[in-house]
Amino acid sequence: MTRCIALIAHDQKKDDMADFANRHQSVLAQWRIVATGTTGGRIQATCPNLDVTRLKSGPLGGDQQIGAMIATGEVDMLIFFVDPLTSMPHDVDVKALMRLATVYDIPMALNRATAEILMTTHTP
């Protein structure tokens, strides 16, 4: 069974996530990819060869959908480009998602530097 990676990015980090996905297309193509709505759309536009399952937008429940997938063992890794300089109206959902990734002990990157390491050390 193909392992699953979840990709999420706050608004000011979406371009960075699309660039990251573009740079790592060959590795990401080996994963089942799920992403929150807008982030997934940006990745698909940049990397049309990647198969991305788009969930709801983060503020509309996408973060919670991914959290549920973590809790049920469907997500094996989380890359979440967080913008620490912008307030988030759904901050509680974001914290819950990070808590679930910690509780279920899945690799999680909250910035590009850590995500780069995960791409070179974790293969499906």
PDB file of N, CA and C in Angstrom:
ATOM      1  N   MET A   1       0.831  -1.187   0.000  1.00  0.00           N
ATOM      2  CA  MET A   1       0.000   0.000   0.000  1.00  0.00           C
ATOM      3  C   MET A   1       0.874   1.249   0.000  1.00  0.00           C
ATOM      4  N   THR A   2       0.498   2.236  -0.781  1.00  0.00           N
ATOM      5  CA  THR A   2       1.264   3.461  -0.888  1.00  0.00           C
ATOM      6  C   THR A   2       1.085   4.307   0.367  1.00  0.00           C
ATOM      7  N   ARG A   3       2.177   4.803   0.875  1.00  0.00           N
ATOM      8  CA  ARG A   3       2.120   5.673   2.052  1.00  0.00           C
ATOM      9  C   ARG A   3       1.579   7.032   1.654  1.00  0.00           C
ATOM     10  N   CYS A   4       1.002   7.732   2.629  1.00  0.00           N
ATOM     11  CA  CYS A   4       0.313   8.996   2.367  1.00  0.00           C
ATOM     12  C   CYS A   4       1.022  10.158   3.048  1.00  0.00           C
ATOM     13  N   ILE A   5       1.170  11.243   2.317  1.00  0.00           N
ATOM     14  CA  ILE A   5       1.744  12.480   2.841  1.00  0.00           C
ATOM     15  C   ILE A   5       0.690  13.579   2.752  1.00  0.00           C
ATOM     16  N   ALA A   6       0.570  14.379   3.804  1.00  0.00           N
ATOM     17  CA  ALA A   6      -0.354  15.514   3.809  1.00  0.00           C
ATOM     18  C   ALA A   6       0.448  16.802   3.656  1.00  0.00           C
ATOM     19  N   LEU A   7       0.001  17.666   2.744  1.00  0.00           N
ATOM     20  CA  LEU A   7       0.662  18.938   2.484  1.00  0.00           C
ATOM     21  C   LEU A   7      -0.307  20.080   2.774  1.00  0.00           C
ATOM     22  N   ILE A   8       0.123  20.996   3.610  1.00  0.00           N
ATOM     23  CA  ILE A   8      -0.697  22.146   4.004  1.00  0.00           C
ATOM     24  C   ILE A   8       0.214  23.367   4.038  1.00  0.00           C
ATOM     25  N   ALA A   9      -0.321  24.520   3.678  1.00  0.00           N
ATOM     26  CA  ALA A   9       0.457  25.757   3.778  1.00  0.00           C
ATOM     27  C   ALA A   9      -0.469  26.926   4.090  1.00  0.00           C
ATOM     28  N   HIS A  10      -0.047  27.752   5.013  1.00  0.00           N
ATOM     29  CA  HIS A  10      -0.785  28.982   5.273  1.00  0.00           C
ATOM     30  C   HIS A  10      -0.697  29.884   4.042  1.00  0.00           C
ATOM     31  N   ASP A  11      -1.575  30.875   3.964  1.00  0.00           N
ATOM     32  CA  ASP A  11      -1.690  31.710   2.768  1.00  0.00           C
ATOM     33  C   ASP A  11      -0.361  32.268   2.274  1.00  0.00           C
ATOM     34  N   GLN A  12       0.439  32.824   3.183  1.00  0.00           N
ATOM     35  CA  GLN A  12       1.695  33.448   2.764  1.00  0.00           C
ATOM     36  C   GLN A  12       2.779  32.421   2.428  1.00  0.00           C
ATOM     37  N   LYS A  13       2.493  31.142   2.618  1.00  0.00           N
ATOM     38  CA  LYS A  13       3.467  30.077   2.357  1.00  0.00           C
ATOM     39  C   LYS A  13       3.056  29.168   1.204  1.00  0.00           C
ATOM     40  N   LYS A  14       1.927  29.454   0.553  1.00  0.00           N
ATOM     41  CA  LYS A  14       1.431  28.571  -0.507  1.00  0.00           C
ATOM     42  C   LYS A  14       2.385  28.515  -1.708  1.00  0.00           C
ATOM     43  N   ASP A  15       2.935  29.656  -2.110  1.00  0.00           N
ATOM     44  CA  ASP A  15       3.890  29.655  -3.216  1.00  0.00           C
ATOM     45  C   ASP A  15       5.135  28.852  -2.858  1.00  0.00           C
ATOM     46  N   ASP A  16       5.574  28.973  -1.606  1.00  0.00           N
ATOM     47  CA  ASP A  16       6.731  28.211  -1.137  1.00  0.00           C
ATOM     48  C   ASP A  16       6.437  26.713  -1.192  1.00  0.00           C
ATOM     49  N   MET A  17       5.219  26.320  -0.810  1.00  0.00           N
ATOM     50  CA  MET A  17       4.840  24.904  -0.866  1.00  0.00           C
ATOM     51  C   MET A  17       4.794  24.405  -2.309  1.00  0.00           C
ATOM     52  N   ALA A  18       4.257  25.217  -3.212  1.00  0.00           N
ATOM     53  CA  ALA A  18       4.202  24.825  -4.622  1.00  0.00           C
ATOM     54  C   ALA A  18       5.617  24.661  -5.174  1.00  0.00           C
ATOM     55  N   ASP A  19       6.514  25.563  -4.802  1.00  0.00           N
ATOM     56  CA  ASP A  19       7.903  25.469  -5.238  1.00  0.00           C
ATOM     57  C   ASP A  19       8.573  24.219  -4.649  1.00  0.00           C
ATOM     58  N   PHE A  20       8.302  23.956  -3.385  1.00  0.00           N
ATOM     59  CA  PHE A  20       8.835  22.756  -2.725  1.00  0.00           C
ATOM     60  C   PHE A  20       8.354  21.498  -3.451  1.00  0.00           C
ATOM     61  N   ALA A  21       7.061  21.421  -3.740  1.00  0.00           N
ATOM     62  CA  ALA A  21       6.510  20.260  -4.440  1.00  0.00           C
ATOM     63  C   ALA A  21       7.141  20.114  -5.822  1.00  0.00           C
ATOM     64  N   ASN A  22       7.328  21.215  -6.510  1.00  0.00           N
ATOM     65  CA  ASN A  22       7.944  21.189  -7.831  1.00  0.00           C
ATOM     66  C   ASN A  22       9.372  20.640  -7.745  1.00  0.00           C
ATOM     67  N   ARG A  23      10.087  21.081  -6.749  1.00  0.00           N
ATOM     68  CA  ARG A  23      11.477  20.639  -6.577  1.00  0.00           C
ATOM     69  C   ARG A  23      11.566  19.150  -6.231  1.00  0.00           C
ATOM     70  N   HIS A  24      10.547  18.632  -5.551  1.00  0.00           N
ATOM     71  CA  HIS A  24      10.577  17.241  -5.087  1.00  0.00           C
ATOM     72  C   HIS A  24       9.539  16.360  -5.785  1.00  0.00           C
ATOM     73  N   GLN A  25       9.189  16.708  -7.014  1.00  0.00           N
ATOM     74  CA  GLN A  25       8.157  15.947  -7.734  1.00  0.00           C
ATOM     75  C   GLN A  25       8.461  14.462  -7.818  1.00  0.00           C
ATOM     76  N   SER A  26       9.703  14.107  -8.096  1.00  0.00           N
ATOM     77  CA  SER A  26      10.026  12.689  -8.277  1.00  0.00           C
ATOM     78  C   SER A  26       9.816  11.899  -6.981  1.00  0.00           C
ATOM     79  N   VAL A  27      10.113  12.485  -5.842  1.00  0.00           N
ATOM     80  CA  VAL A  27       9.894  11.806  -4.560  1.00  0.00           C
ATOM     81  C   VAL A  27       8.407  11.802  -4.224  1.00  0.00           C
ATOM     82  N   LEU A  28       7.749  12.957  -4.385  1.00  0.00           N
ATOM     83  CA  LEU A  28       6.328  13.056  -4.046  1.00  0.00           C
ATOM     84  C   LEU A  28       5.465  12.149  -4.918  1.00  0.00           C
ATOM     85  N   ALA A  29       5.906  11.875  -6.138  1.00  0.00           N
ATOM     86  CA  ALA A  29       5.139  11.002  -7.033  1.00  0.00           C
ATOM     87  C   ALA A  29       5.030   9.580  -6.482  1.00  0.00           C
ATOM     88  N   GLN A  30       5.900   9.223  -5.553  1.00  0.00           N
ATOM     89  CA  GLN A  30       5.870   7.893  -4.948  1.00  0.00           C
ATOM     90  C   GLN A  30       4.876   7.817  -3.784  1.00  0.00           C
ATOM     91  N   TRP A  31       4.361   8.964  -3.359  1.00  0.00           N
ATOM     92  CA  TRP A  31       3.442   9.041  -2.224  1.00  0.00           C
ATOM     93  C   TRP A  31       2.007   9.228  -2.711  1.00  0.00           C
ATOM     94  N   ARG A  32       1.067   8.835  -1.899  1.00  0.00           N
ATOM     95  CA  ARG A  32      -0.319   9.289  -2.064  1.00  0.00           C
ATOM     96  C   ARG A  32      -0.345  10.656  -1.392  1.00  0.00           C
ATOM     97  N   ILE A  33      -0.796  11.680  -2.110  1.00  0.00           N
ATOM     98  CA  ILE A  33      -0.750  13.053  -1.600  1.00  0.00           C
ATOM     99  C   ILE A  33      -2.165  13.544  -1.300  1.00  0.00           C
ATOM    100  N   VAL A  34      -2.351  14.056  -0.082  1.00  0.00           N
ATOM    101  CA  VAL A  34      -3.579  14.770   0.265  1.00  0.00           C
ATOM    102  C   VAL A  34      -3.163  16.177   0.667  1.00  0.00           C
ATOM    103  N   ALA A  35      -4.034  17.134   0.379  1.00  0.00           N
ATOM    104  CA  ALA A  35      -3.726  18.524   0.700  1.00  0.00           C
ATOM    105  C   ALA A  35      -5.020  19.284   0.971  1.00  0.00           C
ATOM    106  N   THR A  36      -4.893  20.330   1.744  1.00  0.00           N
ATOM    107  CA  THR A  36      -6.047  21.200   1.920  1.00  0.00           C
ATOM    108  C   THR A  36      -6.326  21.877   0.587  1.00  0.00           C
ATOM    109  N   GLY A  37      -7.554  22.361   0.418  1.00  0.00           N
ATOM    110  CA  GLY A  37      -8.064  22.808  -0.875  1.00  0.00           C
ATOM    111  C   GLY A  37      -7.200  23.752  -1.680  1.00  0.00           C
ATOM    112  N   THR A  38      -6.926  24.914  -1.146  1.00  0.00           N
ATOM    113  CA  THR A  38      -6.182  25.916  -1.911  1.00  0.00           C
ATOM    114  C   THR A  38      -4.738  25.497  -2.117  1.00  0.00           C
ATOM    115  N   THR A  39      -4.140  24.935  -1.083  1.00  0.00           N
ATOM    116  CA  THR A  39      -2.758  24.457  -1.212  1.00  0.00           C
ATOM    117  C   THR A  39      -2.685  23.373  -2.286  1.00  0.00           C
ATOM    118  N   GLY A  40      -3.622  22.438  -2.256  1.00  0.00           N
ATOM    119  CA  GLY A  40      -3.647  21.377  -3.260  1.00  0.00           C
ATOM    120  C   GLY A  40      -3.804  21.918  -4.668  1.00  0.00           C
ATOM    121  N   GLY A  41      -4.646  22.935  -4.820  1.00  0.00           N
ATOM    122  CA  GLY A  41      -4.828  23.561  -6.132  1.00  0.00           C
ATOM    123  C   GLY A  41      -3.565  24.211  -6.638  1.00  0.00           C
ATOM    124  N   ARG A  42      -2.856  24.866  -5.735  1.00  0.00           N
ATOM    125  CA  ARG A  42      -1.601  25.523  -6.117  1.00  0.00           C
ATOM    126  C   ARG A  42      -0.554  24.481  -6.513  1.00  0.00           C
ATOM    127  N   ILE A  43      -0.512  23.371  -5.795  1.00  0.00           N
ATOM    128  CA  ILE A  43       0.439  22.299  -6.129  1.00  0.00           C
ATOM    129  C   ILE A  43       0.081  21.693  -7.487  1.00  0.00           C
ATOM    130  N   GLN A  44      -1.197  21.431  -7.721  1.00  0.00           N
ATOM    131  CA  GLN A  44      -1.624  20.860  -9.005  1.00  0.00           C
ATOM    132  C   GLN A  44      -1.295  21.786 -10.168  1.00  0.00           C
ATOM    133  N   ALA A  45      -1.451  23.087  -9.962  1.00  0.00           N
ATOM    134  CA  ALA A  45      -1.145  24.038 -11.036  1.00  0.00           C
ATOM    135  C   ALA A  45       0.344  24.049 -11.354  1.00  0.00           C
ATOM    136  N   THR A  46       1.168  23.889 -10.333  1.00  0.00           N
ATOM    137  CA  THR A  46       2.621  23.908 -10.518  1.00  0.00           C
ATOM    138  C   THR A  46       3.158  22.555 -10.969  1.00  0.00           C
ATOM    139  N   CYS A  47       2.529  21.480 -10.502  1.00  0.00           N
ATOM    140  CA  CYS A  47       3.005  20.118 -10.771  1.00  0.00           C
ATOM    141  C   CYS A  47       1.859  19.273 -11.329  1.00  0.00           C
ATOM    142  N   PRO A  48       1.452  19.505 -12.574  1.00  0.00           N
ATOM    143  CA  PRO A  48       0.283  18.802 -13.114  1.00  0.00           C
ATOM    144  C   PRO A  48       0.429  17.280 -13.168  1.00  0.00           C
ATOM    145  N   ASN A  49       1.644  16.764 -13.075  1.00  0.00           N
ATOM    146  CA  ASN A  49       1.841  15.315 -13.116  1.00  0.00           C
ATOM    147  C   ASN A  49       1.646  14.644 -11.757  1.00  0.00           C
ATOM    148  N   LEU A  50       1.555  15.435 -10.696  1.00  0.00           N
ATOM    149  CA  LEU A  50       1.321  14.855  -9.373  1.00  0.00           C
ATOM    150  C   LEU A  50      -0.177  14.645  -9.170  1.00  0.00           C
ATOM    151  N   ASP A  51      -0.525  13.521  -8.579  1.00  0.00           N
ATOM    152  CA  ASP A  51      -1.917  13.217  -8.255  1.00  0.00           C
ATOM    153  C   ASP A  51      -2.175  13.689  -6.825  1.00  0.00           C
ATOM    154  N   VAL A  52      -2.934  14.758  -6.695  1.00  0.00           N
ATOM    155  CA  VAL A  52      -3.196  15.363  -5.391  1.00  0.00           C
ATOM    156  C   VAL A  52      -4.687  15.262  -5.085  1.00  0.00           C
ATOM    157  N   THR A  53      -5.019  14.667  -3.948  1.00  0.00           N
ATOM    158  CA  THR A  53      -6.400  14.646  -3.485  1.00  0.00           C
ATOM    159  C   THR A  53      -6.624  15.910  -2.666  1.00  0.00           C
ATOM    160  N   ARG A  54      -7.504  16.758  -3.176  1.00  0.00           N
ATOM    161  CA  ARG A  54      -7.780  18.020  -2.489  1.00  0.00           C
ATOM    162  C   ARG A  54      -8.952  17.845  -1.532  1.00  0.00           C
ATOM    163  N   LEU A  55      -8.722  18.237  -0.291  1.00  0.00           N
ATOM    164  CA  LEU A  55      -9.763  18.224   0.720  1.00  0.00           C
ATOM    165  C   LEU A  55     -10.329  19.637   0.831  1.00  0.00           C
ATOM    166  N   LYS A  56     -11.101  19.900   1.848  1.00  0.00           N
ATOM    167  CA  LYS A  56     -11.641  21.248   2.045  1.00  0.00           C
ATOM    168  C   LYS A  56     -10.507  22.214   2.379  1.00  0.00           C
ATOM    169  N   SER A  57     -10.772  23.476   2.181  1.00  0.00           N
ATOM    170  CA  SER A  57      -9.842  24.518   2.598  1.00  0.00           C
ATOM    171  C   SER A  57      -9.656  24.416   4.106  1.00  0.00           C
ATOM    172  N   GLY A  58      -8.483  24.810   4.607  1.00  0.00           N
ATOM    173  CA  GLY A  58      -8.199  24.708   6.040  1.00  0.00           C
ATOM    174  C   GLY A  58      -9.263  25.321   6.942  1.00  0.00           C
ATOM    175  N   PRO A  59      -9.633  26.588   6.722  1.00  0.00           N
ATOM    176  CA  PRO A  59     -10.634  27.210   7.596  1.00  0.00           C
ATOM    177  C   PRO A  59     -12.025  26.585   7.483  1.00  0.00           C
ATOM    178  N   LEU A  60     -12.274  25.839   6.404  1.00  0.00           N
ATOM    179  CA  LEU A  60     -13.577  25.198   6.219  1.00  0.00           C
ATOM    180  C   LEU A  60     -13.585  23.731   6.656  1.00  0.00           C
ATOM    181  N   GLY A  61     -12.502  23.295   7.306  1.00  0.00           N
ATOM    182  CA  GLY A  61     -12.472  21.942   7.839  1.00  0.00           C
ATOM    183  C   GLY A  61     -11.396  21.039   7.271  1.00  0.00           C
ATOM    184  N   GLY A  62     -10.608  21.529   6.326  1.00  0.00           N
ATOM    185  CA  GLY A  62      -9.561  20.697   5.726  1.00  0.00           C
ATOM    186  C   GLY A  62      -8.516  20.238   6.724  1.00  0.00           C
ATOM    187  N   ASP A  63      -8.139  21.130   7.653  1.00  0.00           N
ATOM    188  CA  ASP A  63      -7.185  20.742   8.699  1.00  0.00           C
ATOM    189  C   ASP A  63      -7.761  19.607   9.531  1.00  0.00           C
ATOM    190  N   GLN A  64      -9.041  19.694   9.835  1.00  0.00           N
ATOM    191  CA  GLN A  64      -9.684  18.647  10.636  1.00  0.00           C
ATOM    192  C   GLN A  64      -9.798  17.344   9.852  1.00  0.00           C
ATOM    193  N   GLN A  65     -10.047  17.431   8.542  1.00  0.00           N
ATOM    194  CA  GLN A  65     -10.086  16.215   7.726  1.00  0.00           C
ATOM    195  C   GLN A  65      -8.734  15.503   7.772  1.00  0.00           C
ATOM    196  N   ILE A  66      -7.678  16.254   7.640  1.00  0.00           N
ATOM    197  CA  ILE A  66      -6.340  15.650   7.688  1.00  0.00           C
ATOM    198  C   ILE A  66      -6.064  15.121   9.089  1.00  0.00           C
ATOM    199  N   GLY A  67      -6.494  15.835  10.121  1.00  0.00           N
ATOM    200  CA  GLY A  67      -6.342  15.342  11.487  1.00  0.00           C
ATOM    201  C   GLY A  67      -7.031  14.002  11.674  1.00  0.00           C
ATOM    202  N   ALA A  68      -8.228  13.864  11.126  1.00  0.00           N
ATOM    203  CA  ALA A  68      -8.949  12.588  11.219  1.00  0.00           C
ATOM    204  C   ALA A  68      -8.182  11.494  10.487  1.00  0.00           C
ATOM    205  N   MET A  69      -7.588  11.835   9.356  1.00  0.00           N
ATOM    206  CA  MET A  69      -6.814  10.841   8.600  1.00  0.00           C
ATOM    207  C   MET A  69      -5.564  10.409   9.370  1.00  0.00           C
ATOM    208  N   ILE A  70      -4.974  11.345  10.114  1.00  0.00           N
ATOM    209  CA  ILE A  70      -3.834  10.989  10.956  1.00  0.00           C
ATOM    210  C   ILE A  70      -4.298  10.021  12.044  1.00  0.00           C
ATOM    211  N   ALA A  71      -5.419  10.342  12.686  1.00  0.00           N
ATOM    212  CA  ALA A  71      -5.932   9.519  13.791  1.00  0.00           C
ATOM    213  C   ALA A  71      -6.316   8.113  13.349  1.00  0.00           C
ATOM    214  N   THR A  72      -6.724   7.964  12.102  1.00  0.00           N
ATOM    215  CA  THR A  72      -7.114   6.638  11.605  1.00  0.00           C
ATOM    216  C   THR A  72      -5.963   5.908  10.915  1.00  0.00           C
ATOM    217  N   GLY A  73      -4.773   6.494  10.951  1.00  0.00           N
ATOM    218  CA  GLY A  73      -3.602   5.842  10.374  1.00  0.00           C
ATOM    219  C   GLY A  73      -3.478   5.982   8.875  1.00  0.00           C
ATOM    220  N   GLU A  74      -4.237   6.888   8.274  1.00  0.00           N
ATOM    221  CA  GLU A  74      -4.206   7.046   6.815  1.00  0.00           C
ATOM    222  C   GLU A  74      -3.111   7.994   6.342  1.00  0.00           C
ATOM    223  N   VAL A  75      -2.588   8.846   7.223  1.00  0.00           N
ATOM    224  CA  VAL A  75      -1.529   9.792   6.856  1.00  0.00           C
ATOM    225  C   VAL A  75      -0.257   9.376   7.585  1.00  0.00           C
ATOM    226  N   ASP A  76       0.832   9.267   6.829  1.00  0.00           N
ATOM    227  CA  ASP A  76       2.107   8.804   7.373  1.00  0.00           C
ATOM    228  C   ASP A  76       3.112   9.920   7.609  1.00  0.00           C
ATOM    229  N   MET A  77       2.876  11.099   6.998  1.00  0.00           N
ATOM    230  CA  MET A  77       3.786  12.225   7.165  1.00  0.00           C
ATOM    231  C   MET A  77       3.019  13.511   6.918  1.00  0.00           C
ATOM    232  N   LEU A  78       3.376  14.560   7.660  1.00  0.00           N
ATOM    233  CA  LEU A  78       2.732  15.864   7.520  1.00  0.00           C
ATOM    234  C   LEU A  78       3.778  16.922   7.234  1.00  0.00           C
ATOM    235  N   ILE A  79       3.560  17.667   6.171  1.00  0.00           N
ATOM    236  CA  ILE A  79       4.374  18.857   5.895  1.00  0.00           C
ATOM    237  C   ILE A  79       3.423  20.033   5.894  1.00  0.00           C
ATOM    238  N   PHE A  80       3.647  20.940   6.816  1.00  0.00           N
ATOM    239  CA  PHE A  80       2.743  22.061   7.058  1.00  0.00           C
ATOM    240  C   PHE A  80       3.581  23.325   7.134  1.00  0.00           C
ATOM    241  N   PHE A  81       3.595  24.097   6.054  1.00  0.00           N
ATOM    242  CA  PHE A  81       4.359  25.336   6.057  1.00  0.00           C
ATOM    243  C   PHE A  81       3.547  26.406   6.787  1.00  0.00           C
ATOM    244  N   VAL A  82       3.968  26.690   8.005  1.00  0.00           N
ATOM    245  CA  VAL A  82       3.277  27.613   8.898  1.00  0.00           C
ATOM    246  C   VAL A  82       3.843  29.012   8.713  1.00  0.00           C
ATOM    247  N   ASP A  83       2.958  30.004   8.717  1.00  0.00           N
ATOM    248  CA  ASP A  83       3.380  31.404   8.668  1.00  0.00           C
ATOM    249  C   ASP A  83       3.259  31.970  10.085  1.00  0.00           C
ATOM    250  N   PRO A  84       4.369  32.077  10.808  1.00  0.00           N
ATOM    251  CA  PRO A  84       4.305  32.533  12.193  1.00  0.00           C
ATOM    252  C   PRO A  84       4.041  34.036  12.339  1.00  0.00           C
ATOM    253  N   LEU A  85       4.070  34.767  11.230  1.00  0.00           N
ATOM    254  CA  LEU A  85       3.913  36.215  11.296  1.00  0.00           C
ATOM    255  C   LEU A  85       2.498  36.695  10.991  1.00  0.00           C
ATOM    256  N   THR A  86       1.595  35.766  10.692  1.00  0.00           N
ATOM    257  CA  THR A  86       0.211  36.121  10.361  1.00  0.00           C
ATOM    258  C   THR A  86      -0.722  35.429  11.345  1.00  0.00           C
ATOM    259  N   SER A  87      -1.671  36.185  11.892  1.00  0.00           N
ATOM    260  CA  SER A  87      -2.630  35.558  12.797  1.00  0.00           C
ATOM    261  C   SER A  87      -3.595  34.701  11.984  1.00  0.00           C
ATOM    262  N   MET A  88      -4.007  33.592  12.575  1.00  0.00           N
ATOM    263  CA  MET A  88      -4.889  32.644  11.908  1.00  0.00           C
ATOM    264  C   MET A  88      -6.200  32.539  12.675  1.00  0.00           C
ATOM    265  N   PRO A  89      -7.329  32.795  12.011  1.00  0.00           N
ATOM    266  CA  PRO A  89      -8.613  32.679  12.707  1.00  0.00           C
ATOM    267  C   PRO A  89      -8.934  31.241  13.118  1.00  0.00           C
ATOM    268  N   HIS A  90      -8.331  30.267  12.457  1.00  0.00           N
ATOM    269  CA  HIS A  90      -8.577  28.860  12.794  1.00  0.00           C
ATOM    270  C   HIS A  90      -7.369  28.254  13.506  1.00  0.00           C
ATOM    271  N   ASP A  91      -6.689  29.068  14.320  1.00  0.00           N
ATOM    272  CA  ASP A  91      -5.492  28.646  15.027  1.00  0.00           C
ATOM    273  C   ASP A  91      -5.714  27.408  15.897  1.00  0.00           C
ATOM    274  N   VAL A  92      -6.894  27.274  16.476  1.00  0.00           N
ATOM    275  CA  VAL A  92      -7.203  26.115  17.312  1.00  0.00           C
ATOM    276  C   VAL A  92      -7.135  24.831  16.486  1.00  0.00           C
ATOM    277  N   ASP A  93      -7.641  24.868  15.255  1.00  0.00           N
ATOM    278  CA  ASP A  93      -7.588  23.701  14.375  1.00  0.00           C
ATOM    279  C   ASP A  93      -6.146  23.342  14.031  1.00  0.00           C
ATOM    280  N   VAL A  94      -5.330  24.363  13.810  1.00  0.00           N
ATOM    281  CA  VAL A  94      -3.929  24.150  13.471  1.00  0.00           C
ATOM    282  C   VAL A  94      -3.215  23.471  14.636  1.00  0.00           C
ATOM    283  N   LYS A  95      -3.448  23.962  15.837  1.00  0.00           N
ATOM    284  CA  LYS A  95      -2.811  23.359  17.013  1.00  0.00           C
ATOM    285  C   LYS A  95      -3.280  21.923  17.215  1.00  0.00           C
ATOM    286  N   ALA A  96      -4.547  21.664  16.964  1.00  0.00           N
ATOM    287  CA  ALA A  96      -5.073  20.296  17.097  1.00  0.00           C
ATOM    288  C   ALA A  96      -4.398  19.364  16.098  1.00  0.00           C
ATOM    289  N   LEU A  97      -4.175  19.852  14.890  1.00  0.00           N
ATOM    290  CA  LEU A  97      -3.518  19.039  13.861  1.00  0.00           C
ATOM    291  C   LEU A  97      -2.094  18.694  14.276  1.00  0.00           C
ATOM    292  N   MET A  98      -1.364  19.668  14.777  1.00  0.00           N
ATOM    293  CA  MET A  98       0.003  19.417  15.216  1.00  0.00           C
ATOM    294  C   MET A  98       0.014  18.472  16.424  1.00  0.00           C
ATOM    295  N   ARG A  99      -0.952  18.600  17.305  1.00  0.00           N
ATOM    296  CA  ARG A  99      -1.044  17.711  18.457  1.00  0.00           C
ATOM    297  C   ARG A  99      -1.267  16.265  17.985  1.00  0.00           C
ATOM    298  N   LEU A 100      -2.161  16.065  17.018  1.00  0.00           N
ATOM    299  CA  LEU A 100      -2.424  14.716  16.512  1.00  0.00           C
ATOM    300  C   LEU A 100      -1.181  14.104  15.863  1.00  0.00           C
ATOM    301  N   ALA A 101      -0.466  14.908  15.105  1.00  0.00           N
ATOM    302  CA  ALA A 101       0.757  14.397  14.480  1.00  0.00           C
ATOM    303  C   ALA A 101       1.756  13.968  15.547  1.00  0.00           C
ATOM    304  N   THR A 102       1.785  14.690  16.647  1.00  0.00           N
ATOM    305  CA  THR A 102       2.682  14.337  17.751  1.00  0.00           C
ATOM    306  C   THR A 102       2.183  13.093  18.480  1.00  0.00           C
ATOM    307  N   VAL A 103       0.885  13.040  18.780  1.00  0.00           N
ATOM    308  CA  VAL A 103       0.306  11.893  19.487  1.00  0.00           C
ATOM    309  C   VAL A 103       0.515  10.601  18.694  1.00  0.00           C
ATOM    310  N   TYR A 104       0.309  10.654  17.381  1.00  0.00           N
ATOM    311  CA  TYR A 104       0.427   9.453  16.556  1.00  0.00           C
ATOM    312  C   TYR A 104       1.836   9.254  15.995  1.00  0.00           C
ATOM    313  N   ASP A 105       2.749  10.111  16.441  1.00  0.00           N
ATOM    314  CA  ASP A 105       4.174   9.954  16.160  1.00  0.00           C
ATOM    315  C   ASP A 105       4.486   9.815  14.674  1.00  0.00           C
ATOM    316  N   ILE A 106       3.922  10.723  13.877  1.00  0.00           N
ATOM    317  CA  ILE A 106       4.265  10.726  12.456  1.00  0.00           C
ATOM    318  C   ILE A 106       5.260  11.863  12.206  1.00  0.00           C
ATOM    319  N   PRO A 107       6.161  11.699  11.259  1.00  0.00           N
ATOM    320  CA  PRO A 107       7.090  12.783  10.936  1.00  0.00           C
ATOM    321  C   PRO A 107       6.311  14.029  10.528  1.00  0.00           C
ATOM    322  N   MET A 108       6.736  15.183  11.050  1.00  0.00           N
ATOM    323  CA  MET A 108       6.038  16.442  10.771  1.00  0.00           C
ATOM    324  C   MET A 108       7.077  17.538  10.561  1.00  0.00           C
ATOM    325  N   ALA A 109       6.919  18.278   9.480  1.00  0.00           N
ATOM    326  CA  ALA A 109       7.763  19.440   9.224  1.00  0.00           C
ATOM    327  C   ALA A 109       6.877  20.674   9.225  1.00  0.00           C
ATOM    328  N   LEU A 110       7.309  21.697   9.930  1.00  0.00           N
ATOM    329  CA  LEU A 110       6.556  22.949   9.985  1.00  0.00           C
ATOM    330  C   LEU A 110       7.251  24.067   9.224  1.00  0.00           C
ATOM    331  N   ASN A 111       8.403  23.752   8.633  1.00  0.00           N
ATOM    332  CA  ASN A 111       9.097  24.734   7.800  1.00  0.00           C
ATOM    333  C   ASN A 111       9.842  24.005   6.690  1.00  0.00           C
ATOM    334  N   ARG A 112      10.319  24.774   5.738  1.00  0.00           N
ATOM    335  CA  ARG A 112      10.941  24.173   4.559  1.00  0.00           C
ATOM    336  C   ARG A 112      12.232  23.435   4.888  1.00  0.00           C
ATOM    337  N   ALA A 113      13.025  23.965   5.803  1.00  0.00           N
ATOM    338  CA  ALA A 113      14.300  23.326   6.132  1.00  0.00           C
ATOM    339  C   ALA A 113      14.077  21.901   6.632  1.00  0.00           C
ATOM    340  N   THR A 114      13.104  21.718   7.512  1.00  0.00           N
ATOM    341  CA  THR A 114      12.812  20.384   8.029  1.00  0.00           C
ATOM    342  C   THR A 114      12.180  19.513   6.950  1.00  0.00           C
ATOM    343  N   ALA A 115      11.313  20.096   6.129  1.00  0.00           N
ATOM    344  CA  ALA A 115      10.677  19.343   5.038  1.00  0.00           C
ATOM    345  C   ALA A 115      11.730  18.807   4.065  1.00  0.00           C
ATOM    346  N   GLU A 116      12.758  19.606   3.796  1.00  0.00           N
ATOM    347  CA  GLU A 116      13.840  19.161   2.901  1.00  0.00           C
ATOM    348  C   GLU A 116      14.518  17.910   3.474  1.00  0.00           C
ATOM    349  N   ILE A 117      14.741  17.898   4.772  1.00  0.00           N
ATOM    350  CA  ILE A 117      15.359  16.734   5.409  1.00  0.00           C
ATOM    351  C   ILE A 117      14.447  15.516   5.301  1.00  0.00           C
ATOM    352  N   LEU A 118      13.144  15.717   5.566  1.00  0.00           N
ATOM    353  CA  LEU A 118      12.203  14.587   5.477  1.00  0.00           C
ATOM    354  C   LEU A 118      12.169  14.006   4.068  1.00  0.00           C
ATOM    355  N   MET A 119      12.269  14.832   3.054  1.00  0.00           N
ATOM    356  CA  MET A 119      12.224  14.329   1.675  1.00  0.00           C
ATOM    357  C   MET A 119      13.430  13.453   1.357  1.00  0.00           C
ATOM    358  N   THR A 120      14.543  13.695   2.029  1.00  0.00           N
ATOM    359  CA  THR A 120      15.739  12.891   1.735  1.00  0.00           C
ATOM    360  C   THR A 120      15.872  11.681   2.649  1.00  0.00           C
ATOM    361  N   THR A 121      15.123  11.653   3.751  1.00  0.00           N
ATOM    362  CA  THR A 121      15.289  10.559   4.706  1.00  0.00           C
ATOM    363  C   THR A 121      14.091   9.627   4.796  1.00  0.00           C
ATOM    364  N   HIS A 122      12.926  10.019   4.286  1.00  0.00           N
ATOM    365  CA  HIS A 122      11.714   9.193   4.388  1.00  0.00           C
ATOM    366  C   HIS A 122      11.177   8.899   2.995  1.00  0.00           C
ATOM    367  N   THR A 123      11.249   7.656   2.623  1.00  0.00           N
ATOM    368  CA  THR A 123      10.679   7.249   1.335  1.00  0.00           C
ATOM    369  C   THR A 123       9.531   6.302   1.589  1.00  0.00           C
ATOM    370  N   PRO A 124       8.561   6.318   0.697  1.00  0.00           N
ATOM    371  CA  PRO A 124       7.393   5.442   0.909  1.00  0.00           C
ATOM    372  C   PRO A 124       7.731   3.978   0.790  1.00  0.00           C
TER     373      PRO A 124
END
